[in-house]
Amino acid sequence: MEAFEDAYKHEIKITGMINELFTLVAIEKDGAGHDFLEWFCREQVEEEANAQLIVAQLKLVGDNGVGLYLLDQQLGQRKAG
């Protein structure tokens, strides 16, 4: 659980860093930089949501061995993006 909570916190940190870059390109009126960052922003929204979902699922399952097994099976079937 701790590892996934740390991963979620890290995703939040990365989101903040991307937002800072968006602020910078807005100040600099850098349209190309803005367009470049849009892809990262969309991807980061997905990454943060995925990490948050896993933490929520782990909290729901708790120490239930069967639940942990089923969650592991579900996560193992995800395709690499």
PDB file of N, CA and C in Angstrom:
ATOM      1  N   MET A   1       0.822  -1.185   0.000  1.00  0.00           N
ATOM      2  CA  MET A   1       0.000   0.000   0.000  1.00  0.00           C
ATOM      3  C   MET A   1       0.869   1.253   0.000  1.00  0.00           C
ATOM      4  N   GLU A   2       1.904   1.232   0.816  1.00  0.00           N
ATOM      5  CA  GLU A   2       2.778   2.401   0.922  1.00  0.00           C
ATOM      6  C   GLU A   2       3.420   2.737  -0.425  1.00  0.00           C
ATOM      7  N   ALA A   3       3.822   1.713  -1.156  1.00  0.00           N
ATOM      8  CA  ALA A   3       4.456   1.948  -2.457  1.00  0.00           C
ATOM      9  C   ALA A   3       3.488   2.622  -3.428  1.00  0.00           C
ATOM     10  N   PHE A   4       2.237   2.179  -3.424  1.00  0.00           N
ATOM     11  CA  PHE A   4       1.257   2.775  -4.333  1.00  0.00           C
ATOM     12  C   PHE A   4       0.852   4.171  -3.884  1.00  0.00           C
ATOM     13  N   GLU A   5       0.791   4.407  -2.583  1.00  0.00           N
ATOM     14  CA  GLU A   5       0.520   5.762  -2.099  1.00  0.00           C
ATOM     15  C   GLU A   5       1.662   6.695  -2.478  1.00  0.00           C
ATOM     16  N   ASP A   6       2.902   6.207  -2.372  1.00  0.00           N
ATOM     17  CA  ASP A   6       4.050   7.019  -2.784  1.00  0.00           C
ATOM     18  C   ASP A   6       4.015   7.297  -4.287  1.00  0.00           C
ATOM     19  N   ALA A   7       3.625   6.287  -5.061  1.00  0.00           N
ATOM     20  CA  ALA A   7       3.526   6.471  -6.515  1.00  0.00           C
ATOM     21  C   ALA A   7       2.474   7.523  -6.848  1.00  0.00           C
ATOM     22  N   TYR A   8       1.351   7.491  -6.138  1.00  0.00           N
ATOM     23  CA  TYR A   8       0.293   8.484  -6.362  1.00  0.00           C
ATOM     24  C   TYR A   8       0.794   9.888  -6.007  1.00  0.00           C
ATOM     25  N   LYS A   9       1.477  10.018  -4.881  1.00  0.00           N
ATOM     26  CA  LYS A   9       2.039  11.315  -4.493  1.00  0.00           C
ATOM     27  C   LYS A   9       3.023  11.817  -5.548  1.00  0.00           C
ATOM     28  N   HIS A  10       3.789  10.896  -6.111  1.00  0.00           N
ATOM     29  CA  HIS A  10       4.752  11.272  -7.153  1.00  0.00           C
ATOM     30  C   HIS A  10       4.015  11.774  -8.399  1.00  0.00           C
ATOM     31  N   GLU A  11       2.925  11.106  -8.765  1.00  0.00           N
ATOM     32  CA  GLU A  11       2.146  11.546  -9.921  1.00  0.00           C
ATOM     33  C   GLU A  11       1.585  12.946  -9.690  1.00  0.00           C
ATOM     34  N   ILE A  12       1.143  13.223  -8.468  1.00  0.00           N
ATOM     35  CA  ILE A  12       0.656  14.569  -8.137  1.00  0.00           C
ATOM     36  C   ILE A  12       1.781  15.587  -8.300  1.00  0.00           C
ATOM     37  N   LYS A  13       2.985  15.226  -7.864  1.00  0.00           N
ATOM     38  CA  LYS A  13       4.142  16.113  -8.004  1.00  0.00           C
ATOM     39  C   LYS A  13       4.434  16.389  -9.478  1.00  0.00           C
ATOM     40  N   ILE A  14       4.396  15.350 -10.305  1.00  0.00           N
ATOM     41  CA  ILE A  14       4.655  15.512 -11.737  1.00  0.00           C
ATOM     42  C   ILE A  14       3.597  16.413 -12.366  1.00  0.00           C
ATOM     43  N   THR A  15       2.339  16.245 -11.968  1.00  0.00           N
ATOM     44  CA  THR A  15       1.266  17.109 -12.462  1.00  0.00           C
ATOM     45  C   THR A  15       1.578  18.566 -12.143  1.00  0.00           C
ATOM     46  N   GLY A  16       2.024  18.822 -10.930  1.00  0.00           N
ATOM     47  CA  GLY A  16       2.389  20.184 -10.546  1.00  0.00           C
ATOM     48  C   GLY A  16       3.517  20.739 -11.394  1.00  0.00           C
ATOM     49  N   MET A  17       4.496  19.901 -11.696  1.00  0.00           N
ATOM     50  CA  MET A  17       5.623  20.342 -12.516  1.00  0.00           C
ATOM     51  C   MET A  17       5.168  20.681 -13.935  1.00  0.00           C
ATOM     52  N   ILE A  18       4.277  19.861 -14.485  1.00  0.00           N
ATOM     53  CA  ILE A  18       3.755  20.142 -15.828  1.00  0.00           C
ATOM     54  C   ILE A  18       2.944  21.436 -15.807  1.00  0.00           C
ATOM     55  N   ASN A  19       2.166  21.633 -14.764  1.00  0.00           N
ATOM     56  CA  ASN A  19       1.393  22.881 -14.649  1.00  0.00           C
ATOM     57  C   ASN A  19       2.311  24.102 -14.577  1.00  0.00           C
ATOM     58  N   GLU A  20       3.426  23.967 -13.890  1.00  0.00           N
ATOM     59  CA  GLU A  20       4.399  25.073 -13.836  1.00  0.00           C
ATOM     60  C   GLU A  20       4.943  25.377 -15.229  1.00  0.00           C
ATOM     61  N   LEU A  21       5.187  24.334 -16.019  1.00  0.00           N
ATOM     62  CA  LEU A  21       5.664  24.545 -17.382  1.00  0.00           C
ATOM     63  C   LEU A  21       4.599  25.239 -18.229  1.00  0.00           C
ATOM     64  N   PHE A  22       3.332  24.859 -18.041  1.00  0.00           N
ATOM     65  CA  PHE A  22       2.249  25.537 -18.754  1.00  0.00           C
ATOM     66  C   PHE A  22       2.216  27.015 -18.396  1.00  0.00           C
ATOM     67  N   THR A  23       2.409  27.328 -17.128  1.00  0.00           N
ATOM     68  CA  THR A  23       2.436  28.732 -16.707  1.00  0.00           C
ATOM     69  C   THR A  23       3.577  29.469 -17.399  1.00  0.00           C
ATOM     70  N   LEU A  24       4.732  28.840 -17.455  1.00  0.00           N
ATOM     71  CA  LEU A  24       5.892  29.453 -18.092  1.00  0.00           C
ATOM     72  C   LEU A  24       5.659  29.703 -19.579  1.00  0.00           C
ATOM     73  N   VAL A  25       5.114  28.714 -20.295  1.00  0.00           N
ATOM     74  CA  VAL A  25       4.894  28.932 -21.728  1.00  0.00           C
ATOM     75  C   VAL A  25       3.809  29.988 -21.960  1.00  0.00           C
ATOM     76  N   ALA A  26       2.858  30.119 -21.033  1.00  0.00           N
ATOM     77  CA  ALA A  26       1.845  31.175 -21.157  1.00  0.00           C
ATOM     78  C   ALA A  26       2.484  32.548 -20.973  1.00  0.00           C
ATOM     79  N   ILE A  27       3.356  32.663 -19.977  1.00  0.00           N
ATOM     80  CA  ILE A  27       4.058  33.935 -19.735  1.00  0.00           C
ATOM     81  C   ILE A  27       4.913  34.305 -20.938  1.00  0.00           C
ATOM     82  N   GLU A  28       5.579  33.309 -21.503  1.00  0.00           N
ATOM     83  CA  GLU A  28       6.468  33.542 -22.644  1.00  0.00           C
ATOM     84  C   GLU A  28       5.714  33.623 -23.974  1.00  0.00           C
ATOM     85  N   LYS A  29       4.405  33.363 -23.926  1.00  0.00           N
ATOM     86  CA  LYS A  29       3.573  33.337 -25.136  1.00  0.00           C
ATOM     87  C   LYS A  29       4.165  32.388 -26.177  1.00  0.00           C
ATOM     88  N   ASP A  30       4.518  31.196 -25.695  1.00  0.00           N
ATOM     89  CA  ASP A  30       5.160  30.166 -26.512  1.00  0.00           C
ATOM     90  C   ASP A  30       4.112  29.153 -26.960  1.00  0.00           C
ATOM     91  N   GLY A  31       3.504  29.417 -28.106  1.00  0.00           N
ATOM     92  CA  GLY A  31       2.456  28.537 -28.624  1.00  0.00           C
ATOM     93  C   GLY A  31       2.950  27.137 -28.917  1.00  0.00           C
ATOM     94  N   ALA A  32       4.148  27.028 -29.487  1.00  0.00           N
ATOM     95  CA  ALA A  32       4.699  25.705 -29.801  1.00  0.00           C
ATOM     96  C   ALA A  32       4.958  24.914 -28.520  1.00  0.00           C
ATOM     97  N   GLY A  33       5.458  25.587 -27.496  1.00  0.00           N
ATOM     98  CA  GLY A  33       5.686  24.923 -26.209  1.00  0.00           C
ATOM     99  C   GLY A  33       4.373  24.460 -25.599  1.00  0.00           C
ATOM    100  N   HIS A  34       3.348  25.272 -25.729  1.00  0.00           N
ATOM    101  CA  HIS A  34       2.013  24.908 -25.222  1.00  0.00           C
ATOM    102  C   HIS A  34       1.494  23.664 -25.931  1.00  0.00           C
ATOM    103  N   ASP A  35       1.588  23.667 -27.257  1.00  0.00           N
ATOM    104  CA  ASP A  35       1.127  22.510 -28.031  1.00  0.00           C
ATOM    105  C   ASP A  35       1.902  21.252 -27.645  1.00  0.00           C
ATOM    106  N   PHE A  36       3.193  21.389 -27.452  1.00  0.00           N
ATOM    107  CA  PHE A  36       4.039  20.260 -27.069  1.00  0.00           C
ATOM    108  C   PHE A  36       3.618  19.696 -25.712  1.00  0.00           C
ATOM    109  N   LEU A  37       3.314  20.582 -24.774  1.00  0.00           N
ATOM    110  CA  LEU A  37       2.969  20.149 -23.422  1.00  0.00           C
ATOM    111  C   LEU A  37       1.566  19.544 -23.314  1.00  0.00           C
ATOM    112  N   GLU A  38       0.694  19.831 -24.266  1.00  0.00           N
ATOM    113  CA  GLU A  38      -0.664  19.303 -24.186  1.00  0.00           C
ATOM    114  C   GLU A  38      -0.691  17.782 -24.113  1.00  0.00           C
ATOM    115  N   TRP A  39       0.148  17.114 -24.886  1.00  0.00           N
ATOM    116  CA  TRP A  39       0.200  15.650 -24.854  1.00  0.00           C
ATOM    117  C   TRP A  39       0.588  15.162 -23.462  1.00  0.00           C
ATOM    118  N   PHE A  40       1.609  15.781 -22.884  1.00  0.00           N
ATOM    119  CA  PHE A  40       2.050  15.380 -21.543  1.00  0.00           C
ATOM    120  C   PHE A  40       0.954  15.605 -20.513  1.00  0.00           C
ATOM    121  N   CYS A  41       0.233  16.684 -20.668  1.00  0.00           N
ATOM    122  CA  CYS A  41      -0.855  16.997 -19.741  1.00  0.00           C
ATOM    123  C   CYS A  41      -1.940  15.927 -19.808  1.00  0.00           C
ATOM    124  N   ARG A  42      -2.363  15.563 -21.017  1.00  0.00           N
ATOM    125  CA  ARG A  42      -3.387  14.517 -21.172  1.00  0.00           C
ATOM    126  C   ARG A  42      -2.910  13.194 -20.579  1.00  0.00           C
ATOM    127  N   GLU A  43      -1.692  12.827 -20.857  1.00  0.00           N
ATOM    128  CA  GLU A  43      -1.138  11.582 -20.330  1.00  0.00           C
ATOM    129  C   GLU A  43      -1.049  11.618 -18.803  1.00  0.00           C
ATOM    130  N   GLN A  44      -0.678  12.753 -18.265  1.00  0.00           N
ATOM    131  CA  GLN A  44      -0.507  12.871 -16.822  1.00  0.00           C
ATOM    132  C   GLN A  44      -1.843  12.775 -16.090  1.00  0.00           C
ATOM    133  N   VAL A  45      -2.888  13.321 -16.679  1.00  0.00           N
ATOM    134  CA  VAL A  45      -4.222  13.193 -16.086  1.00  0.00           C
ATOM    135  C   VAL A  45      -4.569  11.711 -15.949  1.00  0.00           C
ATOM    136  N   GLU A  46      -4.282  10.942 -16.992  1.00  0.00           N
ATOM    137  CA  GLU A  46      -4.550   9.501 -16.972  1.00  0.00           C
ATOM    138  C   GLU A  46      -3.682   8.783 -15.933  1.00  0.00           C
ATOM    139  N   GLU A  47      -2.413   9.118 -15.878  1.00  0.00           N
ATOM    140  CA  GLU A  47      -1.508   8.464 -14.931  1.00  0.00           C
ATOM    141  C   GLU A  47      -1.909   8.735 -13.484  1.00  0.00           C
ATOM    142  N   GLU A  48      -2.260   9.967 -13.199  1.00  0.00           N
ATOM    143  CA  GLU A  48      -2.667  10.317 -11.838  1.00  0.00           C
ATOM    144  C   GLU A  48      -3.968   9.597 -11.465  1.00  0.00           C
ATOM    145  N   ALA A  49      -4.904   9.550 -12.399  1.00  0.00           N
ATOM    146  CA  ALA A  49      -6.170   8.861 -12.140  1.00  0.00           C
ATOM    147  C   ALA A  49      -5.953   7.366 -11.910  1.00  0.00           C
ATOM    148  N   ASN A  50      -5.075   6.755 -12.697  1.00  0.00           N
ATOM    149  CA  ASN A  50      -4.778   5.330 -12.519  1.00  0.00           C
ATOM    150  C   ASN A  50      -4.161   5.054 -11.155  1.00  0.00           C
ATOM    151  N   ALA A  51      -3.217   5.870 -10.754  1.00  0.00           N
ATOM    152  CA  ALA A  51      -2.567   5.679  -9.451  1.00  0.00           C
ATOM    153  C   ALA A  51      -3.577   5.860  -8.323  1.00  0.00           C
ATOM    154  N   GLN A  52      -4.446   6.851  -8.445  1.00  0.00           N
ATOM    155  CA  GLN A  52      -5.466   7.097  -7.427  1.00  0.00           C
ATOM    156  C   GLN A  52      -6.443   5.921  -7.347  1.00  0.00           C
ATOM    157  N   LEU A  53      -6.822   5.368  -8.485  1.00  0.00           N
ATOM    158  CA  LEU A  53      -7.734   4.237  -8.519  1.00  0.00           C
ATOM    159  C   LEU A  53      -7.126   3.010  -7.837  1.00  0.00           C
ATOM    160  N   ILE A  54      -5.864   2.741  -8.095  1.00  0.00           N
ATOM    161  CA  ILE A  54      -5.208   1.587  -7.473  1.00  0.00           C
ATOM    162  C   ILE A  54      -5.158   1.750  -5.962  1.00  0.00           C
ATOM    163  N   VAL A  55      -4.832   2.933  -5.490  1.00  0.00           N
ATOM    164  CA  VAL A  55      -4.811   3.181  -4.038  1.00  0.00           C
ATOM    165  C   VAL A  55      -6.201   2.956  -3.458  1.00  0.00           C
ATOM    166  N   ALA A  56      -7.233   3.460  -4.129  1.00  0.00           N
ATOM    167  CA  ALA A  56      -8.607   3.284  -3.638  1.00  0.00           C
ATOM    168  C   ALA A  56      -8.990   1.807  -3.611  1.00  0.00           C
ATOM    169  N   GLN A  57      -8.606   1.076  -4.635  1.00  0.00           N
ATOM    170  CA  GLN A  57      -8.914  -0.350  -4.679  1.00  0.00           C
ATOM    171  C   GLN A  57      -8.180  -1.107  -3.570  1.00  0.00           C
ATOM    172  N   LEU A  58      -6.939  -0.758  -3.329  1.00  0.00           N
ATOM    173  CA  LEU A  58      -6.178  -1.414  -2.264  1.00  0.00           C
ATOM    174  C   LEU A  58      -6.794  -1.122  -0.898  1.00  0.00           C
ATOM    175  N   LYS A  59      -7.271   0.093  -0.701  1.00  0.00           N
ATOM    176  CA  LYS A  59      -7.925   0.428   0.568  1.00  0.00           C
ATOM    177  C   LYS A  59      -9.202  -0.383   0.739  1.00  0.00           C
ATOM    178  N   LEU A  60      -9.932  -0.560  -0.341  1.00  0.00           N
ATOM    179  CA  LEU A  60     -11.166  -1.321  -0.296  1.00  0.00           C
ATOM    180  C   LEU A  60     -10.895  -2.795   0.012  1.00  0.00           C
ATOM    181  N   VAL A  61      -9.879  -3.365  -0.601  1.00  0.00           N
ATOM    182  CA  VAL A  61      -9.549  -4.780  -0.432  1.00  0.00           C
ATOM    183  C   VAL A  61      -8.932  -5.045   0.942  1.00  0.00           C
ATOM    184  N   GLY A  62      -8.112  -4.115   1.395  1.00  0.00           N
ATOM    185  CA  GLY A  62      -7.459  -4.295   2.695  1.00  0.00           C
ATOM    186  C   GLY A  62      -6.530  -5.498   2.695  1.00  0.00           C
ATOM    187  N   ASP A  63      -6.622  -6.317   3.737  1.00  0.00           N
ATOM    188  CA  ASP A  63      -5.756  -7.493   3.873  1.00  0.00           C
ATOM    189  C   ASP A  63      -6.414  -8.765   3.353  1.00  0.00           C
ATOM    190  N   ASN A  64      -7.506  -8.633   2.633  1.00  0.00           N
ATOM    191  CA  ASN A  64      -8.210  -9.790   2.108  1.00  0.00           C
ATOM    192  C   ASN A  64      -7.373 -10.444   1.013  1.00  0.00           C
ATOM    193  N   GLY A  65      -6.883 -11.644   1.274  1.00  0.00           N
ATOM    194  CA  GLY A  65      -5.993 -12.327   0.331  1.00  0.00           C
ATOM    195  C   GLY A  65      -6.630 -12.579  -1.017  1.00  0.00           C
ATOM    196  N   VAL A  66      -7.883 -12.989  -1.022  1.00  0.00           N
ATOM    197  CA  VAL A  66      -8.571 -13.246  -2.292  1.00  0.00           C
ATOM    198  C   VAL A  66      -8.733 -11.938  -3.061  1.00  0.00           C
ATOM    199  N   GLY A  67      -9.103 -10.879  -2.364  1.00  0.00           N
ATOM    200  CA  GLY A  67      -9.250  -9.590  -3.017  1.00  0.00           C
ATOM    201  C   GLY A  67      -7.938  -9.093  -3.600  1.00  0.00           C
ATOM    202  N   LEU A  68      -6.856  -9.274  -2.847  1.00  0.00           N
ATOM    203  CA  LEU A  68      -5.536  -8.865  -3.347  1.00  0.00           C
ATOM    204  C   LEU A  68      -5.151  -9.679  -4.576  1.00  0.00           C
ATOM    205  N   TYR A  69      -5.454 -10.957  -4.545  1.00  0.00           N
ATOM    206  CA  TYR A  69      -5.154 -11.826  -5.692  1.00  0.00           C
ATOM    207  C   TYR A  69      -5.924 -11.358  -6.922  1.00  0.00           C
ATOM    208  N   LEU A  70      -7.220 -11.105  -6.749  1.00  0.00           N
ATOM    209  CA  LEU A  70      -8.043 -10.665  -7.879  1.00  0.00           C
ATOM    210  C   LEU A  70      -7.592  -9.311  -8.415  1.00  0.00           C
ATOM    211  N   LEU A  71      -7.230  -8.408  -7.531  1.00  0.00           N
ATOM    212  CA  LEU A  71      -6.720  -7.105  -7.958  1.00  0.00           C
ATOM    213  C   LEU A  71      -5.411  -7.260  -8.717  1.00  0.00           C
ATOM    214  N   ASP A  72      -4.547  -8.128  -8.222  1.00  0.00           N
ATOM    215  CA  ASP A  72      -3.284  -8.404  -8.903  1.00  0.00           C
ATOM    216  C   ASP A  72      -3.538  -8.953 -10.306  1.00  0.00           C
ATOM    217  N   GLN A  73      -4.497  -9.854 -10.428  1.00  0.00           N
ATOM    218  CA  GLN A  73      -4.831 -10.416 -11.742  1.00  0.00           C
ATOM    219  C   GLN A  73      -5.349  -9.328 -12.680  1.00  0.00           C
ATOM    220  N   GLN A  74      -6.209  -8.476 -12.147  1.00  0.00           N
ATOM    221  CA  GLN A  74      -6.771  -7.381 -12.953  1.00  0.00           C
ATOM    222  C   GLN A  74      -5.663  -6.438 -13.436  1.00  0.00           C
ATOM    223  N   LEU A  75      -4.795  -6.045 -12.524  1.00  0.00           N
ATOM    224  CA  LEU A  75      -3.723  -5.106 -12.886  1.00  0.00           C
ATOM    225  C   LEU A  75      -2.724  -5.753 -13.832  1.00  0.00           C
ATOM    226  N   GLY A  76      -2.513  -7.056 -13.678  1.00  0.00           N
ATOM    227  CA  GLY A  76      -1.588  -7.770 -14.553  1.00  0.00           C
ATOM    228  C   GLY A  76      -2.063  -7.869 -15.987  1.00  0.00           C
ATOM    229  N   GLN A  77      -3.342  -7.672 -16.223  1.00  0.00           N
ATOM    230  CA  GLN A  77      -3.899  -7.766 -17.573  1.00  0.00           C
ATOM    231  C   GLN A  77      -3.879  -6.429 -18.312  1.00  0.00           C
ATOM    232  N   ARG A  78      -3.473  -5.369 -17.626  1.00  0.00           N
ATOM    233  CA  ARG A  78      -3.420  -4.068 -18.279  1.00  0.00           C
ATOM    234  C   ARG A  78      -2.357  -4.078 -19.366  1.00  0.00           C
ATOM    235  N   LYS A  79      -2.663  -3.406 -20.452  1.00  0.00           N
ATOM    236  CA  LYS A  79      -1.699  -3.306 -21.547  1.00  0.00           C
ATOM    237  C   LYS A  79      -0.810  -2.102 -21.341  1.00  0.00           C
ATOM    238  N   ALA A  80       0.466  -2.281 -21.630  1.00  0.00           N
ATOM    239  CA  ALA A  80       1.424  -1.170 -21.523  1.00  0.00           C
ATOM    240  C   ALA A  80       1.073  -0.129 -22.570  1.00  0.00           C
ATOM    241  N   GLY A  81       1.097   1.122 -22.128  1.00  0.00           N
ATOM    242  CA  GLY A  81       0.728   2.198 -23.047  1.00  0.00           C
ATOM    243  C   GLY A  81       1.909   2.843 -23.556  1.00  0.00           C
TER     244      GLY A  81
END
